[in-house]
């Protein structure tokens, strides 16, 4: 069974209504990133940080997987699929994909400020006074700007034996998508799904599908499933 690595970014979740900080009409518009998404912000005003992520969490819980998420589930019928996502939502999980690695954490979870142990957020809200077993304040389980991305090493290791790489909803000019293509085998088939123009000079075995995720992923899934049956 061929191995597919799917690398997903904000574009796939945007089609489920989840805006990113780059969107002018998104949740981030009224916030300075340094005030809500950095370790310094947490030290300065943890209450505001928690309130901001409570709003983001509410948005995630009110959203649903779209056609692109569901098409990836279909691919699991004939391929070994590992999804590496920059997104902190759980839309891949809710769609039914079975192997997902979150690079930037998970919005529906918290972690201890004492030992980084992870906890589910049962109520959907995280507040000052919510503590772990060691009585330390819980923080959102997200990687903030300026923090290390511990799962990146795992992600790059997963890429080493990929037969097919699919990049969705993120640009090849932005880290880490920009260099993930360097960690798959030379023979690996590479697909980028993005409606914008992509700088792809020097990347071998690359096919660009200039569509949004909800159109491009079902198209590619049908093509790959058909080839797998030949």
Protein backbone atom coordinates (compact mmCIF):
# COMPACT_ATOMS: atom_id res chain seq x y z
CA UNK A 1 0.00 0.00 0.00
CA UNK A 2 1.46 3.37 -1.05
CA UNK A 3 2.12 5.99 1.61
CA UNK A 4 0.65 9.47 1.23
CA UNK A 5 1.79 12.40 3.33
CA UNK A 6 -0.78 15.19 3.46
CA UNK A 7 0.51 18.55 4.66
CA UNK A 8 -2.44 20.82 5.41
CA UNK A 9 -2.53 24.51 6.24
CA UNK A 10 -5.04 27.22 7.03
CA UNK A 11 -6.62 27.17 3.57
CA UNK A 12 -8.35 23.84 4.14
CA UNK A 13 -9.97 25.05 7.37
CA UNK A 14 -10.88 28.45 5.90
CA UNK A 15 -13.40 26.67 3.67
CA UNK A 16 -15.13 25.50 6.84
CA UNK A 17 -15.41 29.12 7.97
CA UNK A 18 -12.30 29.30 10.17
CA UNK A 19 -10.45 32.49 9.34
CA UNK A 20 -6.73 32.89 9.92
CA UNK A 21 -4.70 35.80 11.23
CA UNK A 22 -3.86 36.70 7.63
CA UNK A 23 -7.52 37.30 6.77
CA UNK A 24 -8.59 40.95 7.04
CA UNK A 25 -12.09 39.90 8.15
CA UNK A 26 -10.97 37.23 10.59
CA UNK A 27 -11.02 36.91 14.35
CA UNK A 28 -7.44 38.18 14.55
CA UNK A 29 -8.27 41.53 12.97
CA UNK A 30 -9.01 43.30 16.26
CA UNK A 31 -5.99 41.83 18.05
CA UNK A 32 -2.28 42.46 18.03
CA UNK A 33 -0.66 39.02 17.74
CA UNK A 34 1.91 39.98 20.35
CA UNK A 35 -0.97 40.45 22.83
CA UNK A 36 -2.62 37.05 22.40
CA UNK A 37 -0.28 34.56 20.71
CA UNK A 38 3.14 34.79 22.35
CA UNK A 39 4.66 33.56 25.63
CA UNK A 40 5.12 37.22 26.58
CA UNK A 41 1.40 37.85 26.15
CA UNK A 42 0.64 34.93 28.45
CA UNK A 43 2.95 36.32 31.11
CA UNK A 44 1.48 39.81 30.78
CA UNK A 45 -2.25 39.08 30.59
CA UNK A 46 -3.22 35.38 30.75
CA UNK A 47 -6.90 36.24 31.20
CA UNK A 48 -7.07 38.02 27.83
CA UNK A 49 -5.16 35.18 26.13
CA UNK A 50 -7.60 32.62 27.55
CA UNK A 51 -10.60 34.69 26.44
CA UNK A 52 -9.21 34.96 22.91
CA UNK A 53 -8.67 31.22 22.61
CA UNK A 54 -12.08 30.55 24.12
CA UNK A 55 -13.53 32.52 21.18
CA UNK A 56 -11.42 30.56 18.70
CA UNK A 57 -12.47 27.29 20.33
CA UNK A 58 -16.14 28.27 20.04
CA UNK A 59 -15.65 28.90 16.31
CA UNK A 60 -14.06 25.48 15.86
CA UNK A 61 -16.88 23.72 17.71
CA UNK A 62 -19.44 25.49 15.50
CA UNK A 63 -17.67 24.51 12.26
CA UNK A 64 -17.82 21.26 10.30
CA UNK A 65 -15.45 19.32 8.02
CA UNK A 66 -15.75 20.24 4.34
CA UNK A 67 -15.46 18.22 1.13
CA UNK A 68 -11.67 18.28 1.21
CA UNK A 69 -11.52 16.69 4.67
CA UNK A 70 -13.99 14.01 3.61
CA UNK A 71 -12.09 13.26 0.38
CA UNK A 72 -8.95 12.54 2.39
CA UNK A 73 -10.91 9.97 4.40
CA UNK A 74 -11.89 8.26 1.15
CA UNK A 75 -8.22 8.00 0.21
CA UNK A 76 -7.58 5.90 3.33
CA UNK A 77 -9.47 3.04 1.67
CA UNK A 78 -6.54 2.43 -0.69
CA UNK A 79 -3.58 4.31 0.80
CA UNK A 80 -1.62 4.59 4.01
CA UNK A 81 -2.21 8.24 4.87
CA UNK A 82 -0.42 10.40 7.43
CA UNK A 83 -1.79 13.92 7.82
CA UNK A 84 0.59 16.58 9.08
CA UNK A 85 -1.38 19.72 9.83
CA UNK A 86 -0.50 23.24 10.86
CA UNK A 87 -4.11 23.71 11.95
CA UNK A 88 -5.15 23.59 15.59
CA UNK A 89 -8.75 22.56 14.88
CA UNK A 90 -10.07 18.98 14.93
CA UNK A 91 -11.75 18.95 11.50
CA UNK A 92 -9.53 16.15 10.17
CA UNK A 93 -10.44 14.03 13.19
CA UNK A 94 -14.15 14.74 12.92
CA UNK A 95 -14.11 13.91 9.22
CA UNK A 96 -12.74 10.46 10.09
CA UNK A 97 -9.04 10.54 9.21
CA UNK A 98 -7.14 8.20 11.51
CA UNK A 99 -3.54 9.43 11.61
CA UNK A 100 -3.06 13.14 12.26
CA UNK A 101 -0.01 14.96 13.60
CA UNK A 102 -0.66 18.51 14.81
CA UNK A 103 2.40 20.72 14.43
CA UNK A 104 0.98 23.70 16.28
CA UNK A 105 -1.11 22.02 18.96
CA UNK A 106 -4.83 21.41 19.43
CA UNK A 107 -7.33 24.11 20.35
CA UNK A 108 -9.66 21.65 22.11
CA UNK A 109 -6.94 20.67 24.56
CA UNK A 110 -5.02 22.43 27.29
CA UNK A 111 -1.64 21.75 28.80
CA UNK A 112 -0.05 22.25 32.15
CA UNK A 113 2.32 25.14 32.70
CA UNK A 114 4.12 22.82 35.12
CA UNK A 115 5.08 19.85 32.95
CA UNK A 116 3.34 20.26 29.53
CA UNK A 117 0.97 17.37 30.26
CA UNK A 118 -2.07 17.54 27.97
CA UNK A 119 -5.70 17.68 29.12
CA UNK A 120 -9.05 17.75 27.35
CA UNK A 121 -11.15 20.89 27.81
CA UNK A 122 -14.47 19.37 28.83
CA UNK A 123 -16.54 22.56 28.99
CA UNK A 124 -15.16 24.23 25.86
CA UNK A 125 -13.82 27.07 28.00
CA UNK A 126 -10.52 27.52 29.80
CA UNK A 127 -10.35 30.07 32.61
CA UNK A 128 -8.03 31.49 35.21
CA UNK A 129 -8.07 29.04 38.11
CA UNK A 130 -8.31 25.92 35.92
CA UNK A 131 -5.35 23.91 37.10
CA UNK A 132 -3.59 20.60 36.53
CA UNK A 133 -2.94 17.88 39.11
CA UNK A 134 0.00 19.94 40.40
CA UNK A 135 -2.19 23.00 40.91
CA UNK A 136 -0.50 24.84 38.04
CA UNK A 137 -2.56 26.98 35.67
CA UNK A 138 -3.62 25.33 32.41
CA UNK A 139 -2.84 27.12 29.14
CA UNK A 140 -4.09 26.51 25.59
CA UNK A 141 -2.32 23.58 23.94
CA UNK A 142 -1.10 25.68 21.04
CA UNK A 143 2.35 26.63 19.82
CA UNK A 144 2.68 30.39 20.10
CA UNK A 145 4.86 32.63 17.97
CA UNK A 146 8.41 32.37 19.26
CA UNK A 147 7.98 28.86 20.68
CA UNK A 148 9.62 25.69 19.37
CA UNK A 149 7.64 23.24 17.22
CA UNK A 150 8.53 19.89 18.84
CA UNK A 151 6.48 17.79 16.42
CA UNK A 152 8.41 19.10 13.41
CA UNK A 153 11.12 16.46 13.88
CA UNK A 154 8.47 13.73 13.88
CA UNK A 155 6.86 15.24 10.77
CA UNK A 156 10.07 15.28 8.78
CA UNK A 157 10.78 11.69 9.76
CA UNK A 158 7.34 10.65 8.47
CA UNK A 159 8.20 12.17 5.08
CA UNK A 160 11.26 10.00 4.48
CA UNK A 161 9.38 7.09 2.91
CA UNK A 162 6.49 8.94 1.28
CA UNK A 163 5.33 7.80 -2.16
CA UNK A 164 3.04 10.81 -2.60
CA UNK A 165 3.10 14.26 -0.96
CA UNK A 166 0.00 16.46 -1.05
CA UNK A 167 0.28 20.07 0.15
CA UNK A 168 -3.02 21.85 0.76
CA UNK A 169 -3.92 25.32 1.93
CA UNK A 170 -0.41 26.63 2.50
CA UNK A 171 2.22 28.24 0.31
CA UNK A 172 5.52 26.72 -0.80
CA UNK A 173 7.09 30.06 0.12
CA UNK A 174 6.19 29.80 3.81
CA UNK A 175 7.99 27.64 6.38
CA UNK A 176 7.60 24.73 7.02
CA UNK A 177 5.85 23.85 3.75
CA UNK A 178 8.70 25.52 1.91
CA UNK A 179 11.20 22.89 2.95
CA UNK A 180 9.07 19.80 3.57
CA UNK A 181 9.48 18.89 -0.11
CA UNK A 182 13.20 18.42 0.61
CA UNK A 183 12.50 15.59 3.04
CA UNK A 184 10.54 13.26 0.75
CA UNK A 185 12.32 10.85 -1.64
CA UNK A 186 13.27 12.16 -5.09
CA UNK A 187 10.84 9.69 -6.64
CA UNK A 188 7.91 10.98 -4.57
CA UNK A 189 4.95 12.38 -6.52
CA UNK A 190 4.20 15.89 -5.28
CA UNK A 191 0.93 17.77 -5.55
CA UNK A 192 0.15 21.32 -4.45
CA UNK A 193 -3.48 22.42 -4.32
CA UNK A 194 -3.80 26.19 -4.26
CA UNK A 195 -5.78 28.67 -6.39
CA UNK A 196 -2.91 31.17 -6.33
CA UNK A 197 0.23 31.14 -8.46
CA UNK A 198 2.91 28.91 -6.96
CA UNK A 199 6.66 29.36 -7.23
CA UNK A 200 7.81 25.85 -8.04
CA UNK A 201 11.13 26.19 -9.86
CA UNK A 202 13.44 23.23 -9.32
CA UNK A 203 10.86 20.95 -7.65
CA UNK A 204 10.76 17.62 -9.47
CA UNK A 205 7.65 15.46 -9.96
CA UNK A 206 5.40 18.37 -9.00
CA UNK A 207 1.81 18.84 -10.16
CA UNK A 208 -0.02 22.05 -9.30
CA UNK A 209 -3.81 22.01 -9.06
CA UNK A 210 -5.05 25.61 -9.12
CA UNK A 211 -8.22 25.07 -7.14
CA UNK A 212 -9.50 25.62 -3.64
CA UNK A 213 -9.13 22.63 -1.34
CA UNK A 214 -12.80 21.63 -1.49
CA UNK A 215 -12.55 21.30 -5.28
CA UNK A 216 -8.96 20.20 -5.77
CA UNK A 217 -8.76 17.49 -3.14
CA UNK A 218 -11.82 15.52 -4.37
CA UNK A 219 -10.44 15.81 -7.93
CA UNK A 220 -7.05 14.48 -6.88
CA UNK A 221 -8.56 11.79 -4.65
CA UNK A 222 -10.61 10.44 -7.55
CA UNK A 223 -7.51 10.39 -9.76
CA UNK A 224 -5.35 8.60 -7.19
CA UNK A 225 -8.04 6.06 -6.29
CA UNK A 226 -8.58 5.28 -9.97
CA UNK A 227 -4.84 4.78 -10.52
CA UNK A 228 -4.62 2.51 -7.48
CA UNK A 229 -7.17 0.17 -9.02
CA UNK A 230 -5.34 -0.17 -12.35
